Amino acid sequence: MCEHGYPSCFETKRHYHADLINYPSHYTKGGVDTYAFIKAKGLDYAEGNIVKYVVRSRHKGKQLEDLQKAKWYLEQIIKEAEKEAEVEKND
């Protein structure tokens, strides 16, 4: 049972189709709820936003904008990883 009271959040056709606030169709394309996927994978804020923006990019009507947002978050993660690698290298 998912947190919404349904057998599974992956059964999108039953309860997501009309709810633009809680279950917009661009987050549930392909039968997978993006939020549920992000939570299941234990992604942090930036990682989750990358997934969110990439997944919805072809379905919301602003593909380039959403991909640029995903790129921005990925660049932040890369900068943080580079800093961590540099610290480890100097230790």
PDB file of N, CA and C in Angstrom:
ATOM      1  N   MET A   1       0.852  -1.178   0.000  1.00  0.00           N
ATOM      2  CA  MET A   1       0.000   0.000   0.000  1.00  0.00           C
ATOM      3  C   MET A   1       0.900   1.245   0.000  1.00  0.00           C
ATOM      4  N   CYS A   2       0.644   2.161  -0.918  1.00  0.00           N
ATOM      5  CA  CYS A   2       1.446   3.376  -0.958  1.00  0.00           C
ATOM      6  C   CYS A   2       0.923   4.385   0.059  1.00  0.00           C
ATOM      7  N   GLU A   3       1.641   5.495   0.221  1.00  0.00           N
ATOM      8  CA  GLU A   3       1.231   6.503   1.206  1.00  0.00           C
ATOM      9  C   GLU A   3      -0.068   7.209   0.856  1.00  0.00           C
ATOM     10  N   HIS A   4      -0.566   6.969  -0.361  1.00  0.00           N
ATOM     11  CA  HIS A   4      -1.814   7.593  -0.789  1.00  0.00           C
ATOM     12  C   HIS A   4      -3.018   6.669  -0.609  1.00  0.00           C
ATOM     13  N   GLY A   5      -2.762   5.483  -0.061  1.00  0.00           N
ATOM     14  CA  GLY A   5      -3.849   4.547   0.185  1.00  0.00           C
ATOM     15  C   GLY A   5      -4.174   3.645  -0.980  1.00  0.00           C
ATOM     16  N   TYR A   6      -3.322   3.612  -1.982  1.00  0.00           N
ATOM     17  CA  TYR A   6      -3.545   2.773  -3.149  1.00  0.00           C
ATOM     18  C   TYR A   6      -2.615   1.564  -3.084  1.00  0.00           C
ATOM     19  N   PRO A   7      -2.933   0.515  -3.818  1.00  0.00           N
ATOM     20  CA  PRO A   7      -2.079  -0.671  -3.797  1.00  0.00           C
ATOM     21  C   PRO A   7      -0.624  -0.361  -4.151  1.00  0.00           C
ATOM     22  N   SER A   8      -0.410   0.585  -5.055  1.00  0.00           N
ATOM     23  CA  SER A   8       0.948   0.925  -5.453  1.00  0.00           C
ATOM     24  C   SER A   8       0.953   2.288  -6.114  1.00  0.00           C
ATOM     25  N   CYS A   9       1.958   3.094  -5.822  1.00  0.00           N
ATOM     26  CA  CYS A   9       2.102   4.388  -6.488  1.00  0.00           C
ATOM     27  C   CYS A   9       2.479   4.206  -7.953  1.00  0.00           C
ATOM     28  N   PHE A  10       2.848   2.998  -8.328  1.00  0.00           N
ATOM     29  CA  PHE A  10       3.214   2.744  -9.708  1.00  0.00           C
ATOM     30  C   PHE A  10       2.003   2.405 -10.567  1.00  0.00           C
ATOM     31  N   GLU A  11       0.835   2.300  -9.951  1.00  0.00           N
ATOM     32  CA  GLU A  11      -0.393   2.047 -10.701  1.00  0.00           C
ATOM     33  C   GLU A  11      -1.054   3.393 -11.003  1.00  0.00           C
ATOM     34  N   THR A  12      -0.414   4.185 -11.827  1.00  0.00           N
ATOM     35  CA  THR A  12      -0.813   5.567 -12.037  1.00  0.00           C
ATOM     36  C   THR A  12      -2.173   5.745 -12.683  1.00  0.00           C
ATOM     37  N   LYS A  13      -2.577   4.859 -13.547  1.00  0.00           N
ATOM     38  CA  LYS A  13      -3.823   5.058 -14.285  1.00  0.00           C
ATOM     39  C   LYS A  13      -5.034   5.142 -13.358  1.00  0.00           C
ATOM     40  N   ARG A  14      -4.963   4.554 -12.199  1.00  0.00           N
ATOM     41  CA  ARG A  14      -6.101   4.528 -11.296  1.00  0.00           C
ATOM     42  C   ARG A  14      -6.371   5.840 -10.587  1.00  0.00           C
ATOM     43  N   HIS A  15      -5.325   6.585 -10.223  1.00  0.00           N
ATOM     44  CA  HIS A  15      -5.590   7.735  -9.368  1.00  0.00           C
ATOM     45  C   HIS A  15      -4.821   9.008  -9.678  1.00  0.00           C
ATOM     46  N   TYR A  16      -3.959   9.006 -10.671  1.00  0.00           N
ATOM     47  CA  TYR A  16      -3.173  10.198 -10.940  1.00  0.00           C
ATOM     48  C   TYR A  16      -3.730  11.085 -12.057  1.00  0.00           C
ATOM     49  N   HIS A  17      -4.527  10.541 -12.911  1.00  0.00           N
ATOM     50  CA  HIS A  17      -4.874  11.215 -14.162  1.00  0.00           C
ATOM     51  C   HIS A  17      -5.502  12.588 -14.011  1.00  0.00           C
ATOM     52  N   ALA A  18      -6.241  12.872 -12.956  1.00  0.00           N
ATOM     53  CA  ALA A  18      -6.972  14.131 -12.877  1.00  0.00           C
ATOM     54  C   ALA A  18      -6.438  15.084 -11.814  1.00  0.00           C
ATOM     55  N   ASP A  19      -5.448  14.730 -11.069  1.00  0.00           N
ATOM     56  CA  ASP A  19      -4.980  15.548  -9.955  1.00  0.00           C
ATOM     57  C   ASP A  19      -3.717  16.315 -10.342  1.00  0.00           C
ATOM     58  N   LEU A  20      -3.889  17.550 -10.811  1.00  0.00           N
ATOM     59  CA  LEU A  20      -2.762  18.346 -11.296  1.00  0.00           C
ATOM     60  C   LEU A  20      -1.871  18.863 -10.181  1.00  0.00           C
ATOM     61  N   ILE A  21      -2.353  18.895  -8.955  1.00  0.00           N
ATOM     62  CA  ILE A  21      -1.548  19.363  -7.829  1.00  0.00           C
ATOM     63  C   ILE A  21      -0.712  18.233  -7.247  1.00  0.00           C
ATOM     64  N   ASN A  22      -1.357  17.130  -6.907  1.00  0.00           N
ATOM     65  CA  ASN A  22      -0.665  16.033  -6.241  1.00  0.00           C
ATOM     66  C   ASN A  22      -0.014  15.033  -7.189  1.00  0.00           C
ATOM     67  N   TYR A  23      -0.575  14.837  -8.366  1.00  0.00           N
ATOM     68  CA  TYR A  23      -0.063  13.834  -9.302  1.00  0.00           C
ATOM     69  C   TYR A  23      -0.112  14.343 -10.738  1.00  0.00           C
ATOM     70  N   PRO A  24       0.663  15.385 -11.046  1.00  0.00           N
ATOM     71  CA  PRO A  24       0.647  15.872 -12.427  1.00  0.00           C
ATOM     72  C   PRO A  24       1.122  14.779 -13.384  1.00  0.00           C
ATOM     73  N   SER A  25       0.520  14.719 -14.541  1.00  0.00           N
ATOM     74  CA  SER A  25       0.806  13.637 -15.486  1.00  0.00           C
ATOM     75  C   SER A  25       2.269  13.598 -15.905  1.00  0.00           C
ATOM     76  N   HIS A  26       2.944  14.748 -15.943  1.00  0.00           N
ATOM     77  CA  HIS A  26       4.355  14.751 -16.353  1.00  0.00           C
ATOM     78  C   HIS A  26       5.264  14.141 -15.288  1.00  0.00           C
ATOM     79  N   TYR A  27       4.760  13.875 -14.093  1.00  0.00           N
ATOM     80  CA  TYR A  27       5.544  13.189 -13.060  1.00  0.00           C
ATOM     81  C   TYR A  27       5.234  11.705 -12.991  1.00  0.00           C
ATOM     82  N   THR A  28       4.244  11.274 -13.729  1.00  0.00           N
ATOM     83  CA  THR A  28       3.840   9.864 -13.634  1.00  0.00           C
ATOM     84  C   THR A  28       3.858   9.158 -14.980  1.00  0.00           C
ATOM     85  N   LYS A  29       4.448   9.779 -15.982  1.00  0.00           N
ATOM     86  CA  LYS A  29       4.561   9.138 -17.297  1.00  0.00           C
ATOM     87  C   LYS A  29       5.301   7.808 -17.161  1.00  0.00           C
ATOM     88  N   GLY A  30       4.859   6.838 -17.899  1.00  0.00           N
ATOM     89  CA  GLY A  30       5.525   5.540 -17.876  1.00  0.00           C
ATOM     90  C   GLY A  30       5.167   4.676 -16.695  1.00  0.00           C
ATOM     91  N   GLY A  31       4.192   5.107 -15.903  1.00  0.00           N
ATOM     92  CA  GLY A  31       3.731   4.292 -14.792  1.00  0.00           C
ATOM     93  C   GLY A  31       4.567   4.380 -13.535  1.00  0.00           C
ATOM     94  N   VAL A  32       5.494   5.345 -13.463  1.00  0.00           N
ATOM     95  CA  VAL A  32       6.328   5.490 -12.273  1.00  0.00           C
ATOM     96  C   VAL A  32       6.167   6.912 -11.739  1.00  0.00           C
ATOM     97  N   ASP A  33       5.849   7.027 -10.470  1.00  0.00           N
ATOM     98  CA  ASP A  33       5.740   8.320  -9.816  1.00  0.00           C
ATOM     99  C   ASP A  33       7.151   8.825  -9.510  1.00  0.00           C
ATOM    100  N   THR A  34       7.500   9.991 -10.027  1.00  0.00           N
ATOM    101  CA  THR A  34       8.852  10.527  -9.869  1.00  0.00           C
ATOM    102  C   THR A  34       9.218  10.707  -8.405  1.00  0.00           C
ATOM    103  N   TYR A  35       8.300  11.228  -7.611  1.00  0.00           N
ATOM    104  CA  TYR A  35       8.572  11.439  -6.188  1.00  0.00           C
ATOM    105  C   TYR A  35       8.861  10.112  -5.490  1.00  0.00           C
ATOM    106  N   ALA A  36       8.050   9.102  -5.774  1.00  0.00           N
ATOM    107  CA  ALA A  36       8.259   7.790  -5.160  1.00  0.00           C
ATOM    108  C   ALA A  36       9.616   7.215  -5.570  1.00  0.00           C
ATOM    109  N   PHE A  37      10.007   7.408  -6.815  1.00  0.00           N
ATOM    110  CA  PHE A  37      11.303   6.932  -7.298  1.00  0.00           C
ATOM    111  C   PHE A  37      12.443   7.636  -6.555  1.00  0.00           C
ATOM    112  N   ILE A  38      12.364   8.955  -6.442  1.00  0.00           N
ATOM    113  CA  ILE A  38      13.401   9.735  -5.765  1.00  0.00           C
ATOM    114  C   ILE A  38      13.539   9.277  -4.314  1.00  0.00           C
ATOM    115  N   LYS A  39      12.411   9.097  -3.631  1.00  0.00           N
ATOM    116  CA  LYS A  39      12.443   8.639  -2.237  1.00  0.00           C
ATOM    117  C   LYS A  39      13.022   7.232  -2.131  1.00  0.00           C
ATOM    118  N   ALA A  40      12.598   6.337  -3.023  1.00  0.00           N
ATOM    119  CA  ALA A  40      13.056   4.947  -2.972  1.00  0.00           C
ATOM    120  C   ALA A  40      14.562   4.847  -3.171  1.00  0.00           C
ATOM    121  N   LYS A  41      15.124   5.729  -3.978  1.00  0.00           N
ATOM    122  CA  LYS A  41      16.559   5.719  -4.245  1.00  0.00           C
ATOM    123  C   LYS A  41      17.349   6.502  -3.198  1.00  0.00           C
ATOM    124  N   GLY A  42      16.672   7.180  -2.285  1.00  0.00           N
ATOM    125  CA  GLY A  42      17.354   7.921  -1.234  1.00  0.00           C
ATOM    126  C   GLY A  42      18.143   9.115  -1.749  1.00  0.00           C
ATOM    127  N   LEU A  43      17.643   9.744  -2.800  1.00  0.00           N
ATOM    128  CA  LEU A  43      18.368  10.867  -3.390  1.00  0.00           C
ATOM    129  C   LEU A  43      18.226  12.123  -2.541  1.00  0.00           C
ATOM    130  N   ASP A  44      19.273  12.941  -2.526  1.00  0.00           N
ATOM    131  CA  ASP A  44      19.187  14.204  -1.797  1.00  0.00           C
ATOM    132  C   ASP A  44      18.475  15.244  -2.675  1.00  0.00           C
ATOM    133  N   TYR A  45      18.375  16.467  -2.150  1.00  0.00           N
ATOM    134  CA  TYR A  45      17.618  17.522  -2.831  1.00  0.00           C
ATOM    135  C   TYR A  45      18.102  17.766  -4.259  1.00  0.00           C
ATOM    136  N   ALA A  46      19.392  17.982  -4.418  1.00  0.00           N
ATOM    137  CA  ALA A  46      19.936  18.284  -5.751  1.00  0.00           C
ATOM    138  C   ALA A  46      19.770  17.099  -6.694  1.00  0.00           C
ATOM    139  N   GLU A  47      20.076  15.903  -6.217  1.00  0.00           N
ATOM    140  CA  GLU A  47      19.928  14.705  -7.053  1.00  0.00           C
ATOM    141  C   GLU A  47      18.470  14.501  -7.456  1.00  0.00           C
ATOM    142  N   GLY A  48      17.573  14.699  -6.517  1.00  0.00           N
ATOM    143  CA  GLY A  48      16.145  14.552  -6.809  1.00  0.00           C
ATOM    144  C   GLY A  48      15.676  15.560  -7.841  1.00  0.00           C
ATOM    145  N   ASN A  49      16.187  16.790  -7.742  1.00  0.00           N
ATOM    146  CA  ASN A  49      15.801  17.802  -8.725  1.00  0.00           C
ATOM    147  C   ASN A  49      16.307  17.470 -10.113  1.00  0.00           C
ATOM    148  N   ILE A  50      17.491  16.889 -10.203  1.00  0.00           N
ATOM    149  CA  ILE A  50      17.997  16.473 -11.512  1.00  0.00           C
ATOM    150  C   ILE A  50      17.040  15.471 -12.137  1.00  0.00           C
ATOM    151  N   VAL A  51      16.664  14.462 -11.362  1.00  0.00           N
ATOM    152  CA  VAL A  51      15.724  13.446 -11.861  1.00  0.00           C
ATOM    153  C   VAL A  51      14.408  14.110 -12.251  1.00  0.00           C
ATOM    154  N   LYS A  52      13.878  14.939 -11.379  1.00  0.00           N
ATOM    155  CA  LYS A  52      12.593  15.601 -11.616  1.00  0.00           C
ATOM    156  C   LYS A  52      12.611  16.393 -12.921  1.00  0.00           C
ATOM    157  N   TYR A  53      13.630  17.224 -13.104  1.00  0.00           N
ATOM    158  CA  TYR A  53      13.668  18.064 -14.294  1.00  0.00           C
ATOM    159  C   TYR A  53      13.891  17.264 -15.575  1.00  0.00           C
ATOM    160  N   VAL A  54      14.721  16.244 -15.518  1.00  0.00           N
ATOM    161  CA  VAL A  54      14.949  15.424 -16.716  1.00  0.00           C
ATOM    162  C   VAL A  54      13.689  14.650 -17.066  1.00  0.00           C
ATOM    163  N   VAL A  55      13.057  14.044 -16.075  1.00  0.00           N
ATOM    164  CA  VAL A  55      11.874  13.217 -16.320  1.00  0.00           C
ATOM    165  C   VAL A  55      10.742  14.034 -16.930  1.00  0.00           C
ATOM    166  N   ARG A  56      10.543  15.227 -16.455  1.00  0.00           N
ATOM    167  CA  ARG A  56       9.412  16.007 -16.963  1.00  0.00           C
ATOM    168  C   ARG A  56       9.730  16.832 -18.193  1.00  0.00           C
ATOM    169  N   SER A  57      11.003  16.911 -18.573  1.00  0.00           N
ATOM    170  CA  SER A  57      11.427  17.840 -19.624  1.00  0.00           C
ATOM    171  C   SER A  57      10.683  17.678 -20.947  1.00  0.00           C
ATOM    172  N   ARG A  58      10.383  16.463 -21.337  1.00  0.00           N
ATOM    173  CA  ARG A  58       9.700  16.250 -22.623  1.00  0.00           C
ATOM    174  C   ARG A  58       8.182  16.282 -22.506  1.00  0.00           C
ATOM    175  N   HIS A  59       7.659  16.422 -21.297  1.00  0.00           N
ATOM    176  CA  HIS A  59       6.223  16.295 -21.111  1.00  0.00           C
ATOM    177  C   HIS A  59       5.534  17.559 -20.610  1.00  0.00           C
ATOM    178  N   LYS A  60       6.284  18.567 -20.208  1.00  0.00           N
ATOM    179  CA  LYS A  60       5.670  19.754 -19.628  1.00  0.00           C
ATOM    180  C   LYS A  60       5.649  20.933 -20.588  1.00  0.00           C
ATOM    181  N   GLY A  61       6.410  20.850 -21.667  1.00  0.00           N
ATOM    182  CA  GLY A  61       6.388  21.922 -22.653  1.00  0.00           C
ATOM    183  C   GLY A  61       7.534  22.906 -22.564  1.00  0.00           C
ATOM    184  N   LYS A  62       8.473  22.672 -21.647  1.00  0.00           N
ATOM    185  CA  LYS A  62       9.629  23.559 -21.514  1.00  0.00           C
ATOM    186  C   LYS A  62      10.893  22.716 -21.433  1.00  0.00           C
ATOM    187  N   GLN A  63      11.129  21.915 -22.461  1.00  0.00           N
ATOM    188  CA  GLN A  63      12.215  20.941 -22.432  1.00  0.00           C
ATOM    189  C   GLN A  63      13.574  21.584 -22.170  1.00  0.00           C
ATOM    190  N   LEU A  64      13.937  22.583 -22.949  1.00  0.00           N
ATOM    191  CA  LEU A  64      15.254  23.198 -22.793  1.00  0.00           C
ATOM    192  C   LEU A  64      15.414  23.799 -21.405  1.00  0.00           C
ATOM    193  N   GLU A  65      14.406  24.494 -20.927  1.00  0.00           N
ATOM    194  CA  GLU A  65      14.462  25.114 -19.599  1.00  0.00           C
ATOM    195  C   GLU A  65      14.654  24.057 -18.509  1.00  0.00           C
ATOM    196  N   ASP A  66      13.889  22.980 -18.574  1.00  0.00           N
ATOM    197  CA  ASP A  66      14.010  21.933 -17.567  1.00  0.00           C
ATOM    198  C   ASP A  66      15.364  21.242 -17.630  1.00  0.00           C
ATOM    199  N   LEU A  67      15.889  21.018 -18.822  1.00  0.00           N
ATOM    200  CA  LEU A  67      17.209  20.398 -18.952  1.00  0.00           C
ATOM    201  C   LEU A  67      18.308  21.323 -18.441  1.00  0.00           C
ATOM    202  N   GLN A  68      18.153  22.623 -18.648  1.00  0.00           N
ATOM    203  CA  GLN A  68      19.126  23.576 -18.123  1.00  0.00           C
ATOM    204  C   GLN A  68      19.090  23.602 -16.592  1.00  0.00           C
ATOM    205  N   LYS A  69      17.906  23.465 -16.021  1.00  0.00           N
ATOM    206  CA  LYS A  69      17.795  23.402 -14.557  1.00  0.00           C
ATOM    207  C   LYS A  69      18.481  22.146 -14.030  1.00  0.00           C
ATOM    208  N   ALA A  70      18.258  21.020 -14.700  1.00  0.00           N
ATOM    209  CA  ALA A  70      18.912  19.769 -14.289  1.00  0.00           C
ATOM    210  C   ALA A  70      20.428  19.915 -14.389  1.00  0.00           C
ATOM    211  N   LYS A  71      20.891  20.541 -15.444  1.00  0.00           N
ATOM    212  CA  LYS A  71      22.331  20.764 -15.639  1.00  0.00           C
ATOM    213  C   LYS A  71      22.901  21.618 -14.516  1.00  0.00           C
ATOM    214  N   TRP A  72      22.174  22.645 -14.093  1.00  0.00           N
ATOM    215  CA  TRP A  72      22.641  23.518 -13.017  1.00  0.00           C
ATOM    216  C   TRP A  72      22.845  22.707 -11.735  1.00  0.00           C
ATOM    217  N   TYR A  73      21.866  21.872 -11.391  1.00  0.00           N
ATOM    218  CA  TYR A  73      21.997  21.047 -10.191  1.00  0.00           C
ATOM    219  C   TYR A  73      23.157  20.059 -10.322  1.00  0.00           C
ATOM    220  N   LEU A  74      23.321  19.455 -11.488  1.00  0.00           N
ATOM    221  CA  LEU A  74      24.429  18.525 -11.695  1.00  0.00           C
ATOM    222  C   LEU A  74      25.775  19.241 -11.551  1.00  0.00           C
ATOM    223  N   GLU A  75      25.868  20.436 -12.082  1.00  0.00           N
ATOM    224  CA  GLU A  75      27.111  21.206 -11.953  1.00  0.00           C
ATOM    225  C   GLU A  75      27.423  21.498 -10.487  1.00  0.00           C
ATOM    226  N   GLN A  76      26.407  21.756  -9.669  1.00  0.00           N
ATOM    227  CA  GLN A  76      26.629  22.001  -8.241  1.00  0.00           C
ATOM    228  C   GLN A  76      27.167  20.746  -7.555  1.00  0.00           C
ATOM    229  N   ILE A  77      26.591  19.607  -7.891  1.00  0.00           N
ATOM    230  CA  ILE A  77      27.047  18.339  -7.318  1.00  0.00           C
ATOM    231  C   ILE A  77      28.490  18.050  -7.730  1.00  0.00           C
ATOM    232  N   ILE A  78      28.812  18.315  -8.979  1.00  0.00           N
ATOM    233  CA  ILE A  78      30.183  18.094  -9.468  1.00  0.00           C
ATOM    234  C   ILE A  78      31.160  19.000  -8.733  1.00  0.00           C
ATOM    235  N   LYS A  79      30.809  20.273  -8.547  1.00  0.00           N
ATOM    236  CA  LYS A  79      31.684  21.195  -7.816  1.00  0.00           C
ATOM    237  C   LYS A  79      31.935  20.696  -6.396  1.00  0.00           C
ATOM    238  N   GLU A  80      30.893  20.235  -5.732  1.00  0.00           N
ATOM    239  CA  GLU A  80      31.035  19.709  -4.368  1.00  0.00           C
ATOM    240  C   GLU A  80      31.932  18.469  -4.358  1.00  0.00           C
ATOM    241  N   ALA A  81      31.743  17.585  -5.326  1.00  0.00           N
ATOM    242  CA  ALA A  81      32.555  16.371  -5.401  1.00  0.00           C
ATOM    243  C   ALA A  81      34.021  16.706  -5.687  1.00  0.00           C
ATOM    244  N   GLU A  82      34.256  17.694  -6.526  1.00  0.00           N
ATOM    245  CA  GLU A  82      35.629  18.116  -6.812  1.00  0.00           C
ATOM    246  C   GLU A  82      36.297  18.675  -5.557  1.00  0.00           C
ATOM    247  N   LYS A  83      35.545  19.469  -4.778  1.00  0.00           N
ATOM    248  CA  LYS A  83      36.094  20.001  -3.531  1.00  0.00           C
ATOM    249  C   LYS A  83      36.425  18.878  -2.558  1.00  0.00           C
ATOM    250  N   GLU A  84      35.528  17.916  -2.430  1.00  0.00           N
ATOM    251  CA  GLU A  84      35.762  16.777  -1.540  1.00  0.00           C
ATOM    252  C   GLU A  84      36.969  15.967  -2.002  1.00  0.00           C
ATOM    253  N   ALA A  85      37.103  15.766  -3.290  1.00  0.00           N
ATOM    254  CA  ALA A  85      38.237  15.018  -3.828  1.00  0.00           C
ATOM    255  C   ALA A  85      39.543  15.745  -3.545  1.00  0.00           C
ATOM    256  N   GLU A  86      39.534  17.053  -3.640  1.00  0.00           N
ATOM    257  CA  GLU A  86      40.723  17.849  -3.382  1.00  0.00           C
ATOM    258  C   GLU A  86      41.116  17.764  -1.910  1.00  0.00           C
ATOM    259  N   VAL A  87      40.151  17.827  -1.026  1.00  0.00           N
ATOM    260  CA  VAL A  87      40.418  17.705   0.408  1.00  0.00           C
ATOM    261  C   VAL A  87      41.007  16.339   0.719  1.00  0.00           C
ATOM    262  N   GLU A  88      40.421  15.287   0.162  1.00  0.00           N
ATOM    263  CA  GLU A  88      40.922  13.921   0.376  1.00  0.00           C
ATOM    264  C   GLU A  88      42.336  13.758  -0.157  1.00  0.00           C
ATOM    265  N   LYS A  89      42.603  14.380  -1.278  1.00  0.00           N
ATOM    266  CA  LYS A  89      43.916  14.298  -1.902  1.00  0.00           C
ATOM    267  C   LYS A  89      44.979  14.952  -1.015  1.00  0.00           C
ATOM    268  N   ASN A  90      44.604  16.029  -0.331  1.00  0.00           N
ATOM    269  CA  ASN A  90      45.546  16.778   0.505  1.00  0.00           C
ATOM    270  C   ASN A  90      45.679  16.203   1.916  1.00  0.00           C
ATOM    271  N   ASP A  91      44.855  15.252   2.263  1.00  0.00           N
ATOM    272  CA  ASP A  91      44.934  14.644   3.607  1.00  0.00           C
ATOM    273  C   ASP A  91      45.969  13.565   3.694  1.00  0.00           C
TER     274      ASP A  91
END
